[in-house]
Amino acid sequence: MLSCGMQRSYLDMLDEVRAIAQTGLNYVKSPYDEAQYSRLVELASEKYAEITGLETQAIKDRFARDLGYITPKVGANCALLDNEGRILLEHRNDDKLWGLPGGWVDVGETPEMTVVREMQEEAGIVVEIEKLGGFYTRQPGQWAQPHTSVHIVYLCRYVSGQICISHESVAMEFKDPATVTNWHRDHGMIAADMVRLYAKDH
């Protein structure tokens, strides 16, 4: 059993090996090099699976979707609060946990554009960016995640529309974070931070 410090170093090493191999696969021209890079991705995926509990093939499939030079994934989330200081949360359909609405930044988008798009797609409403709420980083192995990701959270204001849900959600409700116990990854901490930040300005 690896200690926490050793596991962190091991996961960092796996992430670097995987990134080098995946980048090589995206630019490789030699069949020999392609086989070597593929084997490195396979080995890294197997070790990720042992540590995180995810299936090896699911990890390989996730890595295969990365194009070009491998960098941390970037996500953007919306913090929208009502007059009572409650924050809009999505009861996610994938893991049945509560979190802030948002998603991965697409090619050609700014994080601000991602937030506006995701709120229209996931909640059916139009929002405007009010201010930057904060940056949050997830490292490999945290919350069974096999890659590094950076998440940008924005405090937003409501513009128009009626809140509804998409196929990605079970529910979309304004809630006091203190009443929620089943959080998606680090979203409980993020929601609490956004509520405190909102309270300072209002």
N, C-alpha and C. Protein backbone atom coordinates (compact mmCIF):
# COMPACT_ATOMS: atom_id res chain seq x y z
N MET A 1 0.85 -1.20 0.00
CA MET A 1 0.00 0.00 0.00
C MET A 1 0.89 1.25 0.00
N LEU A 2 0.66 2.15 -0.96
CA LEU A 2 1.44 3.37 -1.04
C LEU A 2 0.93 4.39 -0.03
N SER A 3 1.85 5.15 0.57
CA SER A 3 1.45 6.25 1.43
C SER A 3 0.84 7.34 0.56
N CYS A 4 0.17 8.31 1.21
CA CYS A 4 -0.47 9.38 0.44
C CYS A 4 0.55 10.15 -0.40
N GLY A 5 1.73 10.44 0.21
CA GLY A 5 2.75 11.18 -0.51
C GLY A 5 3.29 10.40 -1.68
N MET A 6 3.55 9.10 -1.47
CA MET A 6 4.07 8.26 -2.54
C MET A 6 3.05 8.08 -3.65
N GLN A 7 1.76 7.93 -3.27
CA GLN A 7 0.71 7.78 -4.28
C GLN A 7 0.60 9.05 -5.12
N ARG A 8 0.72 10.23 -4.47
CA ARG A 8 0.67 11.49 -5.20
C ARG A 8 1.80 11.55 -6.23
N SER A 9 3.03 11.19 -5.81
CA SER A 9 4.17 11.21 -6.72
C SER A 9 3.98 10.20 -7.85
N TYR A 10 3.44 9.04 -7.51
CA TYR A 10 3.22 7.98 -8.50
C TYR A 10 2.20 8.43 -9.54
N LEU A 11 1.11 9.06 -9.09
CA LEU A 11 0.09 9.55 -10.01
C LEU A 11 0.62 10.68 -10.88
N ASP A 12 1.43 11.56 -10.30
CA ASP A 12 2.03 12.63 -11.09
C ASP A 12 2.91 12.04 -12.20
N MET A 13 3.68 11.00 -11.86
CA MET A 13 4.53 10.35 -12.84
C MET A 13 3.69 9.71 -13.94
N LEU A 14 2.61 9.01 -13.56
CA LEU A 14 1.72 8.39 -14.54
C LEU A 14 1.12 9.44 -15.46
N ASP A 15 0.73 10.57 -14.89
CA ASP A 15 0.12 11.63 -15.69
C ASP A 15 1.12 12.16 -16.72
N GLU A 16 2.37 12.31 -16.31
CA GLU A 16 3.38 12.80 -17.24
C GLU A 16 3.68 11.77 -18.32
N VAL A 17 3.82 10.50 -17.95
CA VAL A 17 4.06 9.44 -18.92
C VAL A 17 2.91 9.37 -19.91
N ARG A 18 1.68 9.41 -19.39
CA ARG A 18 0.50 9.34 -20.26
C ARG A 18 0.46 10.53 -21.21
N ALA A 19 0.76 11.74 -20.72
CA ALA A 19 0.72 12.93 -21.57
C ALA A 19 1.76 12.85 -22.68
N ILE A 20 2.97 12.39 -22.33
CA ILE A 20 4.02 12.25 -23.35
C ILE A 20 3.60 11.23 -24.41
N ALA A 21 3.08 10.08 -23.95
CA ALA A 21 2.68 9.03 -24.87
C ALA A 21 1.51 9.46 -25.74
N GLN A 22 0.51 10.11 -25.13
CA GLN A 22 -0.66 10.53 -25.89
C GLN A 22 -0.29 11.60 -26.91
N THR A 23 0.57 12.53 -26.52
CA THR A 23 1.03 13.54 -27.47
C THR A 23 1.78 12.87 -28.62
N GLY A 24 2.62 11.88 -28.29
CA GLY A 24 3.34 11.15 -29.33
C GLY A 24 2.39 10.49 -30.31
N LEU A 25 1.32 9.88 -29.79
CA LEU A 25 0.33 9.23 -30.66
C LEU A 25 -0.36 10.21 -31.59
N ASN A 26 -0.55 11.43 -31.12
CA ASN A 26 -1.24 12.42 -31.93
C ASN A 26 -0.37 12.96 -33.07
N TYR A 27 0.95 12.77 -32.96
CA TYR A 27 1.84 13.32 -33.99
C TYR A 27 2.74 12.27 -34.65
N VAL A 28 2.62 11.00 -34.22
CA VAL A 28 3.53 9.97 -34.68
C VAL A 28 3.39 9.67 -36.18
N LYS A 29 4.51 9.30 -36.81
CA LYS A 29 4.50 8.90 -38.22
C LYS A 29 5.03 7.48 -38.41
N SER A 30 5.84 7.02 -37.48
CA SER A 30 6.43 5.69 -37.57
C SER A 30 5.54 4.65 -36.90
N PRO A 31 5.23 3.54 -37.59
CA PRO A 31 4.43 2.47 -36.97
C PRO A 31 5.09 1.90 -35.71
N TYR A 32 6.43 1.85 -35.70
CA TYR A 32 7.14 1.36 -34.52
C TYR A 32 6.91 2.29 -33.34
N ASP A 33 7.07 3.59 -33.57
CA ASP A 33 6.85 4.56 -32.49
C ASP A 33 5.40 4.54 -32.01
N GLU A 34 4.47 4.36 -32.94
CA GLU A 34 3.05 4.30 -32.57
C GLU A 34 2.79 3.13 -31.62
N ALA A 35 3.41 1.99 -31.90
CA ALA A 35 3.23 0.82 -31.03
C ALA A 35 3.80 1.08 -29.65
N GLN A 36 4.95 1.76 -29.59
CA GLN A 36 5.58 2.05 -28.30
C GLN A 36 4.74 3.03 -27.49
N TYR A 37 4.27 4.09 -28.13
CA TYR A 37 3.43 5.07 -27.44
C TYR A 37 2.12 4.43 -26.96
N SER A 38 1.55 3.57 -27.81
CA SER A 38 0.30 2.90 -27.44
C SER A 38 0.49 2.02 -26.21
N ARG A 39 1.64 1.36 -26.16
CA ARG A 39 1.93 0.51 -25.00
C ARG A 39 2.08 1.33 -23.73
N LEU A 40 2.69 2.49 -23.83
CA LEU A 40 2.82 3.37 -22.67
C LEU A 40 1.45 3.84 -22.17
N VAL A 41 0.57 4.21 -23.10
CA VAL A 41 -0.79 4.62 -22.72
C VAL A 41 -1.51 3.46 -22.03
N GLU A 42 -1.35 2.26 -22.57
CA GLU A 42 -1.99 1.09 -21.99
C GLU A 42 -1.49 0.82 -20.58
N LEU A 43 -0.17 0.89 -20.39
CA LEU A 43 0.40 0.67 -19.06
C LEU A 43 -0.08 1.72 -18.06
N ALA A 44 -0.07 2.98 -18.49
CA ALA A 44 -0.52 4.05 -17.61
C ALA A 44 -1.99 3.87 -17.25
N SER A 45 -2.81 3.47 -18.22
CA SER A 45 -4.24 3.26 -17.98
C SER A 45 -4.47 2.14 -16.99
N GLU A 46 -3.68 1.06 -17.11
CA GLU A 46 -3.83 -0.07 -16.19
C GLU A 46 -3.50 0.35 -14.76
N LYS A 47 -2.45 1.14 -14.60
CA LYS A 47 -2.05 1.57 -13.26
C LYS A 47 -3.04 2.58 -12.68
N TYR A 48 -3.56 3.48 -13.54
CA TYR A 48 -4.62 4.39 -13.11
C TYR A 48 -5.82 3.59 -12.59
N ALA A 49 -6.17 2.55 -13.33
CA ALA A 49 -7.33 1.74 -12.96
C ALA A 49 -7.13 1.09 -11.59
N GLU A 50 -5.93 0.61 -11.32
CA GLU A 50 -5.64 -0.02 -10.04
C GLU A 50 -5.83 0.96 -8.88
N ILE A 51 -5.43 2.21 -9.10
CA ILE A 51 -5.47 3.20 -8.03
C ILE A 51 -6.84 3.84 -7.88
N THR A 52 -7.50 4.15 -9.01
CA THR A 52 -8.77 4.90 -8.95
C THR A 52 -10.00 4.02 -8.87
N GLY A 53 -9.88 2.76 -9.31
CA GLY A 53 -11.06 1.89 -9.31
C GLY A 53 -11.87 1.99 -10.59
N LEU A 54 -11.46 2.86 -11.52
CA LEU A 54 -12.14 2.95 -12.81
C LEU A 54 -11.71 1.79 -13.70
N GLU A 55 -12.51 1.48 -14.71
CA GLU A 55 -12.15 0.41 -15.64
C GLU A 55 -11.05 0.90 -16.59
N THR A 56 -10.11 0.00 -16.89
CA THR A 56 -8.98 0.34 -17.76
C THR A 56 -9.46 0.86 -19.11
N GLN A 57 -10.45 0.20 -19.72
CA GLN A 57 -10.93 0.61 -21.04
C GLN A 57 -11.58 1.98 -20.99
N ALA A 58 -12.30 2.29 -19.91
CA ALA A 58 -12.93 3.60 -19.77
C ALA A 58 -11.87 4.70 -19.71
N ILE A 59 -10.77 4.42 -19.03
CA ILE A 59 -9.68 5.39 -18.96
C ILE A 59 -9.03 5.57 -20.31
N LYS A 60 -8.77 4.46 -21.01
CA LYS A 60 -8.17 4.53 -22.35
C LYS A 60 -9.06 5.29 -23.32
N ASP A 61 -10.37 5.07 -23.23
CA ASP A 61 -11.32 5.77 -24.10
C ASP A 61 -11.29 7.27 -23.83
N ARG A 62 -11.18 7.64 -22.56
CA ARG A 62 -11.13 9.06 -22.20
C ARG A 62 -9.86 9.70 -22.75
N PHE A 63 -8.74 9.01 -22.61
CA PHE A 63 -7.48 9.54 -23.13
C PHE A 63 -7.52 9.67 -24.65
N ALA A 64 -8.16 8.71 -25.31
CA ALA A 64 -8.19 8.70 -26.77
C ALA A 64 -8.92 9.90 -27.35
N ARG A 65 -9.77 10.54 -26.56
CA ARG A 65 -10.52 11.71 -27.05
C ARG A 65 -9.67 12.98 -27.03
N ASP A 66 -8.51 12.95 -26.36
CA ASP A 66 -7.64 14.12 -26.31
C ASP A 66 -6.89 14.26 -27.62
N LEU A 67 -6.93 15.45 -28.18
CA LEU A 67 -6.27 15.72 -29.46
C LEU A 67 -5.12 16.71 -29.26
N GLY A 68 -4.14 16.64 -30.16
CA GLY A 68 -3.04 17.59 -30.12
C GLY A 68 -2.14 17.40 -28.91
N TYR A 69 -1.48 18.49 -28.52
CA TYR A 69 -0.57 18.45 -27.38
C TYR A 69 -1.39 18.31 -26.10
N ILE A 70 -1.02 17.36 -25.24
CA ILE A 70 -1.83 17.07 -24.06
C ILE A 70 -1.56 18.08 -22.95
N THR A 71 -2.60 18.76 -22.53
CA THR A 71 -2.55 19.71 -21.43
C THR A 71 -3.71 19.40 -20.49
N PRO A 72 -3.72 19.99 -19.28
CA PRO A 72 -4.86 19.78 -18.39
C PRO A 72 -6.17 20.21 -19.05
N LYS A 73 -7.23 19.48 -18.78
CA LYS A 73 -8.55 19.86 -19.28
C LYS A 73 -9.04 21.09 -18.51
N VAL A 74 -9.83 21.92 -19.18
CA VAL A 74 -10.34 23.15 -18.56
C VAL A 74 -11.87 23.09 -18.51
N GLY A 75 -12.41 23.29 -17.33
CA GLY A 75 -13.86 23.32 -17.16
C GLY A 75 -14.29 24.70 -16.69
N ALA A 76 -15.55 25.04 -16.92
CA ALA A 76 -16.10 26.32 -16.48
C ALA A 76 -17.47 26.08 -15.86
N ASN A 77 -17.71 26.70 -14.70
CA ASN A 77 -18.96 26.50 -13.97
C ASN A 77 -19.60 27.83 -13.60
N CYS A 78 -20.91 27.78 -13.47
CA CYS A 78 -21.71 28.96 -13.14
C CYS A 78 -22.14 28.92 -11.67
N ALA A 79 -21.94 30.03 -10.97
CA ALA A 79 -22.48 30.20 -9.62
C ALA A 79 -23.56 31.27 -9.70
N LEU A 80 -24.81 30.83 -9.69
CA LEU A 80 -25.96 31.73 -9.78
C LEU A 80 -26.74 31.65 -8.48
N LEU A 81 -26.90 32.79 -7.81
CA LEU A 81 -27.58 32.80 -6.52
C LEU A 81 -28.88 33.59 -6.60
N ASP A 82 -29.85 33.20 -5.76
CA ASP A 82 -31.12 33.92 -5.72
C ASP A 82 -31.10 34.96 -4.60
N ASN A 83 -32.22 35.65 -4.41
CA ASN A 83 -32.29 36.74 -3.42
C ASN A 83 -32.13 36.25 -1.99
N GLU A 84 -32.31 34.96 -1.78
CA GLU A 84 -32.16 34.39 -0.44
C GLU A 84 -30.75 33.86 -0.20
N GLY A 85 -29.87 34.04 -1.17
CA GLY A 85 -28.49 33.59 -1.02
C GLY A 85 -28.30 32.11 -1.29
N ARG A 86 -29.29 31.47 -1.89
CA ARG A 86 -29.16 30.06 -2.26
C ARG A 86 -28.53 29.97 -3.65
N ILE A 87 -27.79 28.90 -3.89
CA ILE A 87 -27.08 28.74 -5.15
C ILE A 87 -27.76 27.70 -6.03
N LEU A 88 -27.78 27.94 -7.33
CA LEU A 88 -28.41 27.01 -8.27
C LEU A 88 -27.53 25.77 -8.43
N LEU A 89 -28.11 24.61 -8.14
CA LEU A 89 -27.37 23.36 -8.23
C LEU A 89 -28.08 22.39 -9.17
N GLU A 90 -27.27 21.58 -9.82
CA GLU A 90 -27.77 20.56 -10.73
C GLU A 90 -27.64 19.19 -10.07
N HIS A 91 -28.75 18.45 -10.02
CA HIS A 91 -28.69 17.05 -9.59
C HIS A 91 -28.34 16.25 -10.84
N ARG A 92 -27.08 15.86 -10.93
CA ARG A 92 -26.54 15.29 -12.16
C ARG A 92 -27.14 13.92 -12.46
N ASN A 93 -27.31 13.64 -13.73
CA ASN A 93 -27.87 12.36 -14.15
C ASN A 93 -26.82 11.25 -14.19
N ASP A 94 -25.52 11.65 -14.34
CA ASP A 94 -24.49 10.62 -14.49
C ASP A 94 -24.14 9.94 -13.17
N ASP A 95 -23.92 10.72 -12.11
CA ASP A 95 -23.56 10.11 -10.83
C ASP A 95 -24.59 10.34 -9.73
N LYS A 96 -25.71 11.01 -10.09
CA LYS A 96 -26.79 11.27 -9.14
C LYS A 96 -26.34 12.10 -7.95
N LEU A 97 -25.37 12.99 -8.16
CA LEU A 97 -24.87 13.87 -7.11
C LEU A 97 -25.14 15.32 -7.49
N TRP A 98 -25.04 16.22 -6.50
CA TRP A 98 -25.32 17.64 -6.72
C TRP A 98 -24.03 18.39 -7.05
N GLY A 99 -24.15 19.33 -8.00
CA GLY A 99 -22.99 20.15 -8.36
C GLY A 99 -23.42 21.42 -9.07
N LEU A 100 -22.46 22.30 -9.29
CA LEU A 100 -22.73 23.51 -10.05
C LEU A 100 -22.85 23.18 -11.53
N PRO A 101 -23.79 23.79 -12.23
CA PRO A 101 -23.89 23.54 -13.67
C PRO A 101 -22.67 24.09 -14.40
N GLY A 102 -22.28 23.42 -15.47
CA GLY A 102 -21.13 23.85 -16.25
C GLY A 102 -20.64 22.70 -17.10
N GLY A 103 -19.43 22.85 -17.64
CA GLY A 103 -18.90 21.78 -18.48
C GLY A 103 -17.51 22.13 -18.97
N TRP A 104 -16.98 21.26 -19.85
CA TRP A 104 -15.65 21.46 -20.41
C TRP A 104 -15.68 22.58 -21.45
N VAL A 105 -14.61 23.35 -21.49
CA VAL A 105 -14.47 24.41 -22.48
C VAL A 105 -14.21 23.77 -23.84
N ASP A 106 -15.03 24.11 -24.82
CA ASP A 106 -14.87 23.56 -26.16
C ASP A 106 -13.82 24.34 -26.95
N VAL A 107 -13.30 23.72 -27.99
CA VAL A 107 -12.37 24.39 -28.90
C VAL A 107 -13.05 25.63 -29.48
N GLY A 108 -12.36 26.76 -29.47
CA GLY A 108 -12.91 27.99 -30.02
C GLY A 108 -13.73 28.80 -29.03
N GLU A 109 -13.86 28.31 -27.80
CA GLU A 109 -14.63 29.01 -26.78
C GLU A 109 -13.71 29.64 -25.74
N THR A 110 -14.18 30.74 -25.15
CA THR A 110 -13.59 31.23 -23.91
C THR A 110 -14.36 30.56 -22.76
N PRO A 111 -13.80 30.50 -21.56
CA PRO A 111 -14.54 29.93 -20.44
C PRO A 111 -15.87 30.66 -20.18
N GLU A 112 -15.87 31.98 -20.40
CA GLU A 112 -17.11 32.74 -20.22
C GLU A 112 -18.18 32.29 -21.20
N MET A 113 -17.78 32.04 -22.44
CA MET A 113 -18.72 31.54 -23.44
C MET A 113 -19.25 30.17 -23.05
N THR A 114 -18.39 29.34 -22.48
CA THR A 114 -18.80 28.01 -22.05
C THR A 114 -19.89 28.09 -21.00
N VAL A 115 -19.72 28.97 -20.03
CA VAL A 115 -20.71 29.12 -18.95
C VAL A 115 -22.06 29.54 -19.53
N VAL A 116 -22.06 30.54 -20.40
CA VAL A 116 -23.33 31.01 -20.99
C VAL A 116 -23.99 29.89 -21.79
N ARG A 117 -23.20 29.17 -22.59
CA ARG A 117 -23.75 28.07 -23.39
C ARG A 117 -24.29 26.95 -22.51
N GLU A 118 -23.50 26.55 -21.52
CA GLU A 118 -23.93 25.45 -20.66
C GLU A 118 -25.20 25.79 -19.89
N MET A 119 -25.35 27.02 -19.46
CA MET A 119 -26.56 27.40 -18.73
C MET A 119 -27.79 27.36 -19.63
N GLN A 120 -27.62 27.72 -20.89
CA GLN A 120 -28.74 27.63 -21.82
C GLN A 120 -29.08 26.17 -22.10
N GLU A 121 -28.05 25.32 -22.25
CA GLU A 121 -28.27 23.92 -22.58
C GLU A 121 -28.78 23.12 -21.37
N GLU A 122 -28.21 23.37 -20.19
CA GLU A 122 -28.53 22.56 -19.03
C GLU A 122 -29.70 23.10 -18.20
N ALA A 123 -29.84 24.43 -18.18
CA ALA A 123 -30.86 25.02 -17.31
C ALA A 123 -31.93 25.80 -18.07
N GLY A 124 -31.73 26.04 -19.37
CA GLY A 124 -32.73 26.74 -20.17
C GLY A 124 -32.81 28.23 -19.90
N ILE A 125 -31.78 28.81 -19.29
CA ILE A 125 -31.82 30.23 -18.98
C ILE A 125 -30.60 30.95 -19.54
N VAL A 126 -30.74 32.27 -19.68
CA VAL A 126 -29.65 33.12 -20.14
C VAL A 126 -29.05 33.81 -18.92
N VAL A 127 -27.72 33.76 -18.82
CA VAL A 127 -27.03 34.44 -17.72
C VAL A 127 -25.93 35.32 -18.29
N GLU A 128 -25.48 36.26 -17.48
CA GLU A 128 -24.34 37.10 -17.80
C GLU A 128 -23.27 36.89 -16.73
N ILE A 129 -22.03 36.97 -17.14
CA ILE A 129 -20.93 36.87 -16.19
C ILE A 129 -20.88 38.14 -15.35
N GLU A 130 -20.86 37.99 -14.04
CA GLU A 130 -20.76 39.13 -13.13
C GLU A 130 -19.31 39.34 -12.69
N LYS A 131 -18.66 38.26 -12.25
CA LYS A 131 -17.26 38.37 -11.84
C LYS A 131 -16.65 36.98 -11.74
N LEU A 132 -15.33 36.93 -11.76
CA LEU A 132 -14.62 35.67 -11.57
C LEU A 132 -14.75 35.24 -10.11
N GLY A 133 -15.16 33.99 -9.94
CA GLY A 133 -15.30 33.47 -8.58
C GLY A 133 -14.04 32.81 -8.06
N GLY A 134 -13.34 32.08 -8.93
CA GLY A 134 -12.11 31.42 -8.49
C GLY A 134 -11.67 30.32 -9.44
N PHE A 135 -10.45 29.86 -9.20
CA PHE A 135 -9.86 28.74 -9.95
C PHE A 135 -9.69 27.56 -9.01
N TYR A 136 -10.01 26.36 -9.50
CA TYR A 136 -9.88 25.15 -8.70
C TYR A 136 -9.19 24.09 -9.56
N THR A 137 -8.26 23.35 -8.95
CA THR A 137 -7.50 22.33 -9.67
C THR A 137 -7.76 20.96 -9.08
N ARG A 138 -8.04 19.98 -9.94
CA ARG A 138 -8.13 18.59 -9.53
C ARG A 138 -6.93 17.86 -10.12
N GLN A 139 -6.24 17.11 -9.29
CA GLN A 139 -5.07 16.37 -9.75
C GLN A 139 -5.42 14.91 -9.96
N PRO A 140 -4.59 14.18 -10.72
CA PRO A 140 -4.87 12.77 -10.98
C PRO A 140 -5.05 12.00 -9.67
N GLY A 141 -6.07 11.16 -9.63
CA GLY A 141 -6.34 10.36 -8.45
C GLY A 141 -7.38 10.95 -7.53
N GLN A 142 -7.59 12.27 -7.60
CA GLN A 142 -8.63 12.88 -6.78
C GLN A 142 -9.99 12.60 -7.40
N TRP A 143 -10.92 12.15 -6.58
CA TRP A 143 -12.28 11.84 -7.03
C TRP A 143 -12.27 10.88 -8.22
N ALA A 144 -11.37 9.90 -8.19
CA ALA A 144 -11.27 8.86 -9.22
C ALA A 144 -11.09 9.46 -10.61
N GLN A 145 -10.34 10.55 -10.68
CA GLN A 145 -10.10 11.22 -11.97
C GLN A 145 -8.69 10.92 -12.44
N PRO A 146 -8.51 10.44 -13.68
CA PRO A 146 -7.19 10.05 -14.14
C PRO A 146 -6.38 11.14 -14.82
N HIS A 147 -6.83 12.38 -14.79
CA HIS A 147 -6.08 13.45 -15.45
C HIS A 147 -6.19 14.74 -14.64
N THR A 148 -5.28 15.66 -14.89
CA THR A 148 -5.33 16.96 -14.25
C THR A 148 -6.38 17.83 -14.94
N SER A 149 -7.12 18.60 -14.16
CA SER A 149 -8.08 19.53 -14.74
C SER A 149 -8.12 20.81 -13.92
N VAL A 150 -8.40 21.91 -14.61
CA VAL A 150 -8.53 23.22 -13.98
C VAL A 150 -9.95 23.70 -14.21
N HIS A 151 -10.60 24.17 -13.15
CA HIS A 151 -12.00 24.59 -13.24
C HIS A 151 -12.12 26.06 -12.84
N ILE A 152 -12.74 26.83 -13.73
CA ILE A 152 -12.93 28.26 -13.53
C ILE A 152 -14.40 28.49 -13.19
N VAL A 153 -14.64 29.15 -12.07
CA VAL A 153 -16.02 29.37 -11.61
C VAL A 153 -16.33 30.87 -11.67
N TYR A 154 -17.50 31.18 -12.23
CA TYR A 154 -17.93 32.57 -12.37
C TYR A 154 -19.21 32.83 -11.60
N LEU A 155 -19.24 33.94 -10.87
CA LEU A 155 -20.50 34.42 -10.32
C LEU A 155 -21.27 35.06 -11.47
N CYS A 156 -22.54 34.67 -11.62
CA CYS A 156 -23.35 35.13 -12.76
C CYS A 156 -24.63 35.79 -12.28
N ARG A 157 -25.23 36.55 -13.18
CA ARG A 157 -26.55 37.15 -12.90
C ARG A 157 -27.56 36.60 -13.90
N TYR A 158 -28.77 36.43 -13.43
CA TYR A 158 -29.87 35.94 -14.28
C TYR A 158 -30.29 37.04 -15.26
N VAL A 159 -30.55 36.64 -16.51
CA VAL A 159 -31.01 37.58 -17.53
C VAL A 159 -32.44 37.25 -17.95
N SER A 160 -32.66 36.00 -18.39
CA SER A 160 -34.00 35.65 -18.87
C SER A 160 -34.15 34.14 -18.93
N GLY A 161 -35.40 33.72 -19.13
CA GLY A 161 -35.69 32.30 -19.30
C GLY A 161 -36.29 31.65 -18.08
N GLN A 162 -36.84 30.47 -18.29
CA GLN A 162 -37.46 29.68 -17.23
C GLN A 162 -36.60 28.45 -16.98
N ILE A 163 -36.22 28.23 -15.73
CA ILE A 163 -35.35 27.10 -15.42
C ILE A 163 -36.03 25.78 -15.75
N CYS A 164 -35.32 24.95 -16.50
CA CYS A 164 -35.79 23.61 -16.83
C CYS A 164 -34.57 22.69 -16.83
N ILE A 165 -34.76 21.41 -17.08
CA ILE A 165 -33.63 20.48 -17.06
C ILE A 165 -33.46 19.81 -18.42
N SER A 166 -32.24 19.39 -18.68
CA SER A 166 -31.92 18.64 -19.90
C SER A 166 -31.76 17.17 -19.53
N HIS A 167 -31.35 16.36 -20.51
CA HIS A 167 -31.12 14.95 -20.26
C HIS A 167 -29.95 14.71 -19.31
N GLU A 168 -29.13 15.75 -19.08
CA GLU A 168 -27.98 15.60 -18.21
C GLU A 168 -28.33 15.76 -16.73
N SER A 169 -29.57 16.17 -16.45
CA SER A 169 -29.94 16.50 -15.07
C SER A 169 -31.17 15.74 -14.60
N VAL A 170 -31.19 15.45 -13.31
CA VAL A 170 -32.38 14.92 -12.65
C VAL A 170 -33.23 16.07 -12.12
N ALA A 171 -32.54 17.11 -11.64
CA ALA A 171 -33.23 18.29 -11.11
C ALA A 171 -32.28 19.48 -11.17
N MET A 172 -32.85 20.68 -11.09
CA MET A 172 -32.09 21.93 -11.07
C MET A 172 -32.79 22.83 -10.06
N GLU A 173 -32.14 23.09 -8.91
CA GLU A 173 -32.81 23.81 -7.83
C GLU A 173 -31.85 24.77 -7.13
N PHE A 174 -32.41 25.85 -6.58
CA PHE A 174 -31.64 26.73 -5.71
C PHE A 174 -31.62 26.09 -4.32
N LYS A 175 -30.40 25.90 -3.77
CA LYS A 175 -30.28 25.22 -2.50
C LYS A 175 -29.23 25.90 -1.62
N ASP A 176 -29.41 25.74 -0.31
CA ASP A 176 -28.39 26.14 0.66
C ASP A 176 -27.36 25.02 0.68
N PRO A 177 -26.09 25.31 0.35
CA PRO A 177 -25.08 24.24 0.32
C PRO A 177 -24.97 23.44 1.62
N ALA A 178 -25.30 24.09 2.73
CA ALA A 178 -25.20 23.42 4.03
C ALA A 178 -26.19 22.28 4.16
N THR A 179 -27.22 22.26 3.31
CA THR A 179 -28.24 21.21 3.40
C THR A 179 -27.95 20.03 2.47
N VAL A 180 -26.89 20.14 1.68
CA VAL A 180 -26.56 19.10 0.70
C VAL A 180 -25.41 18.25 1.24
N THR A 181 -25.56 16.94 1.17
CA THR A 181 -24.51 16.04 1.65
C THR A 181 -23.89 15.20 0.53
N ASN A 182 -24.61 15.02 -0.56
CA ASN A 182 -24.12 14.16 -1.66
C ASN A 182 -23.63 15.02 -2.83
N TRP A 183 -22.35 15.44 -2.72
CA TRP A 183 -21.77 16.37 -3.68
C TRP A 183 -20.98 15.66 -4.78
N HIS A 184 -21.03 16.24 -5.97
CA HIS A 184 -20.17 15.80 -7.08
C HIS A 184 -18.76 16.34 -6.84
N ARG A 185 -17.83 15.43 -6.61
CA ARG A 185 -16.42 15.78 -6.44
C ARG A 185 -16.23 16.94 -5.46
N ASP A 186 -15.56 18.03 -5.88
CA ASP A 186 -15.25 19.12 -4.96
C ASP A 186 -16.28 20.25 -4.99
N HIS A 187 -17.46 19.99 -5.54
CA HIS A 187 -18.43 21.07 -5.72
C HIS A 187 -19.03 21.59 -4.42
N GLY A 188 -19.01 20.78 -3.37
CA GLY A 188 -19.51 21.28 -2.08
C GLY A 188 -18.64 22.42 -1.57
N MET A 189 -17.33 22.26 -1.65
CA MET A 189 -16.40 23.31 -1.24
C MET A 189 -16.54 24.54 -2.13
N ILE A 190 -16.67 24.30 -3.44
CA ILE A 190 -16.80 25.43 -4.38
C ILE A 190 -18.08 26.21 -4.12
N ALA A 191 -19.19 25.50 -3.93
CA ALA A 191 -20.47 26.17 -3.68
C ALA A 191 -20.41 27.02 -2.42
N ALA A 192 -19.80 26.48 -1.37
CA ALA A 192 -19.68 27.24 -0.12
C ALA A 192 -18.83 28.49 -0.33
N ASP A 193 -17.75 28.37 -1.10
CA ASP A 193 -16.91 29.53 -1.41
C ASP A 193 -17.69 30.59 -2.16
N MET A 194 -18.50 30.18 -3.14
CA MET A 194 -19.26 31.13 -3.95
C MET A 194 -20.35 31.84 -3.13
N VAL A 195 -20.97 31.12 -2.21
CA VAL A 195 -21.98 31.73 -1.35
C VAL A 195 -21.34 32.80 -0.47
N ARG A 196 -20.17 32.52 0.07
CA ARG A 196 -19.48 33.49 0.91
C ARG A 196 -19.04 34.72 0.07
N LEU A 197 -18.56 34.46 -1.15
CA LEU A 197 -18.14 35.55 -2.01
C LEU A 197 -19.32 36.44 -2.40
N TYR A 198 -20.44 35.82 -2.69
CA TYR A 198 -21.65 36.55 -3.04
C TYR A 198 -22.12 37.43 -1.88
N ALA A 199 -22.06 36.87 -0.67
CA ALA A 199 -22.52 37.59 0.52
C ALA A 199 -21.70 38.84 0.77
N LYS A 200 -20.40 38.81 0.43
CA LYS A 200 -19.54 39.97 0.63
C LYS A 200 -19.96 41.15 -0.25
N ASP A 201 -20.48 40.83 -1.45
CA ASP A 201 -20.84 41.87 -2.42
C ASP A 201 -22.30 42.31 -2.33
N HIS A 202 -23.08 41.58 -1.56
CA HIS A 202 -24.51 41.89 -1.48
C HIS A 202 -24.91 42.07 0.00
